[in-house]
C-alpha atoms as a PDB file:
ATOM      1  CA  MET A   1     112.915 129.797 116.639  1.00  0.00           C
ATOM      2  CA  LEU A   2     109.686 128.217 117.759  1.00  0.00           C
ATOM      3  CA  GLU A   3     107.488 126.531 115.209  1.00  0.00           C
ATOM      4  CA  MET A   4     104.077 128.081 114.805  1.00  0.00           C
ATOM      5  CA  LEU A   5     101.845 125.071 114.269  1.00  0.00           C
ATOM      6  CA  GLU A   6      98.158 125.349 113.545  1.00  0.00           C
ATOM      7  CA  VAL A   7      95.841 122.361 113.434  1.00  0.00           C
ATOM      8  CA  CYS A   8      93.381 122.470 110.534  1.00  0.00           C
ATOM      9  CA  ASP A   9      90.558 120.240 109.386  1.00  0.00           C
ATOM     10  CA  VAL A  10      90.718 119.131 105.756  1.00  0.00           C
ATOM     11  CA  THR A  11      88.439 116.965 103.640  1.00  0.00           C
ATOM     12  CA  CYS A  12      89.959 114.359 101.359  1.00  0.00           C
ATOM     13  CA  PRO A  13      89.016 115.157  97.743  1.00  0.00           C
ATOM     14  CA  TYR A  14      89.060 111.425  96.943  1.00  0.00           C
ATOM     15  CA  CYS A  15      87.035 109.731  99.713  1.00  0.00           C
ATOM     16  CA  SER A  16      85.554 112.765 101.574  1.00  0.00           C
ATOM     17  CA  ALA A  17      87.066 111.692 104.904  1.00  0.00           C
ATOM     18  CA  ARG A  18      87.742 114.580 107.289  1.00  0.00           C
ATOM     19  CA  PHE A  19      90.976 114.644 109.239  1.00  0.00           C
ATOM     20  CA  GLN A  20      93.399 117.109 110.787  1.00  0.00           C
ATOM     21  CA  VAL A  21      96.742 118.319 109.518  1.00  0.00           C
ATOM     22  CA  ARG A  22      99.343 120.449 111.263  1.00  0.00           C
ATOM     23  CA  VAL A  23     100.542 123.491 109.357  1.00  0.00           C
ATOM     24  CA  ASP A  24     103.877 125.119 110.176  1.00  0.00           C
ATOM     25  CA  CYS A  25     103.005 128.794 109.674  1.00  0.00           C
ATOM     26  CA  SER A  26     106.604 129.905 110.288  1.00  0.00           C
ATOM     27  CA  ALA A  27     107.466 128.411 106.876  1.00  0.00           C
ATOM     28  CA  GLY A  28     105.197 130.915 105.107  1.00  0.00           C
ATOM     29  CA  ALA A  29     102.943 129.985 102.209  1.00  0.00           C
ATOM     30  CA  ASP A  30     103.524 126.416 101.096  1.00  0.00           C
ATOM     31  CA  ASP A  31     102.457 123.775  98.586  1.00  0.00           C
ATOM     32  CA  TYR A  32     103.006 120.157  99.615  1.00  0.00           C
ATOM     33  CA  TYR A  33     101.480 116.671  99.623  1.00  0.00           C
ATOM     34  CA  GLU A  34     100.080 114.684 102.499  1.00  0.00           C
ATOM     35  CA  ASP A  35      98.385 111.277 102.290  1.00  0.00           C
ATOM     36  CA  CYS A  36      94.766 110.845 103.378  1.00  0.00           C
ATOM     37  CA  GLU A  37      94.548 109.033 106.709  1.00  0.00           C
ATOM     38  CA  LYS A  38      91.718 106.825 105.413  1.00  0.00           C
ATOM     39  CA  CYS A  39      92.344 106.027 101.731  1.00  0.00           C
ATOM     40  CA  CYS A  40      96.079 106.934 101.565  1.00  0.00           C
ATOM     41  CA  SER A  41      95.615 109.006  98.388  1.00  0.00           C
ATOM     42  CA  PRO A  42      98.052 111.919  97.907  1.00  0.00           C
ATOM     43  CA  ILE A  43      96.387 115.258  98.661  1.00  0.00           C
ATOM     44  CA  ARG A  44      97.929 118.497  97.444  1.00  0.00           C
ATOM     45  CA  LEU A  45      97.732 121.041 100.262  1.00  0.00           C
ATOM     46  CA  THR A  46      98.258 124.717  99.520  1.00  0.00           C
ATOM     47  CA  THR A  47      98.532 127.106 102.452  1.00  0.00           C
ATOM     48  CA  VAL A  48      98.380 130.898 102.522  1.00  0.00           C
ATOM     49  CA  VAL A  49      99.962 132.657 105.490  1.00  0.00           C
ATOM     50  CA  ASP A  50      99.898 136.386 106.288  1.00  0.00           C
ATOM     51  CA  ASP A  51     102.867 138.586 107.251  1.00  0.00           C
ATOM     52  CA  ASP A  52     102.308 137.782 110.944  1.00  0.00           C
ATOM     53  CA  ASN A  53     102.604 134.015 110.284  1.00  0.00           C
ATOM     54  CA  LYS A  54      98.885 133.435 110.754  1.00  0.00           C
ATOM     55  CA  LEU A  55      97.180 130.884 108.527  1.00  0.00           C
ATOM     56  CA  ILE A  56      94.730 132.553 106.145  1.00  0.00           C
ATOM     57  CA  SER A  57      93.608 129.495 104.176  1.00  0.00           C
ATOM     58  CA  ILE A  58      94.340 125.894 103.326  1.00  0.00           C
ATOM     59  CA  ASP A  59      93.192 124.219 100.129  1.00  0.00           C
ATOM     60  CA  ALA A  60      93.085 120.445  99.634  1.00  0.00           C
ATOM     61  CA  ARG A  61      93.024 119.161  96.054  1.00  0.00           C
ATOM     62  CA  ARG A  62      93.483 115.932  94.167  1.00  0.00           C
ATOM     63  CA  GLU A  63      96.975 115.282  92.916  1.00  0.00           C
ATOM     64  CA  ASP A  64      95.781 115.443  89.288  1.00  0.00           C
ATOM     65  CA  GLU A  65      93.806 118.721  89.657  1.00  0.00           C
ATOM     66  CA  SER A  66      95.271 121.725  87.922  1.00  0.00           C
ATOM     67  CA  ASP A  67      95.584 125.165  89.490  1.00  0.00           C
END
């Protein structure tokens, strides 16, 4: 099975740096952490994917932010 990667721009909620992340849409909706490329702070990324494995949205939040 081929991975369905989409490249998305995110903004670090700590330092406001913008950078790109790759999202594997074949995995469905996901909630995971990725470190900021500039300040190395852990960013909680939440992705929403539709039934056709297309990315609908990506949300970047601080590690200590609640839902």
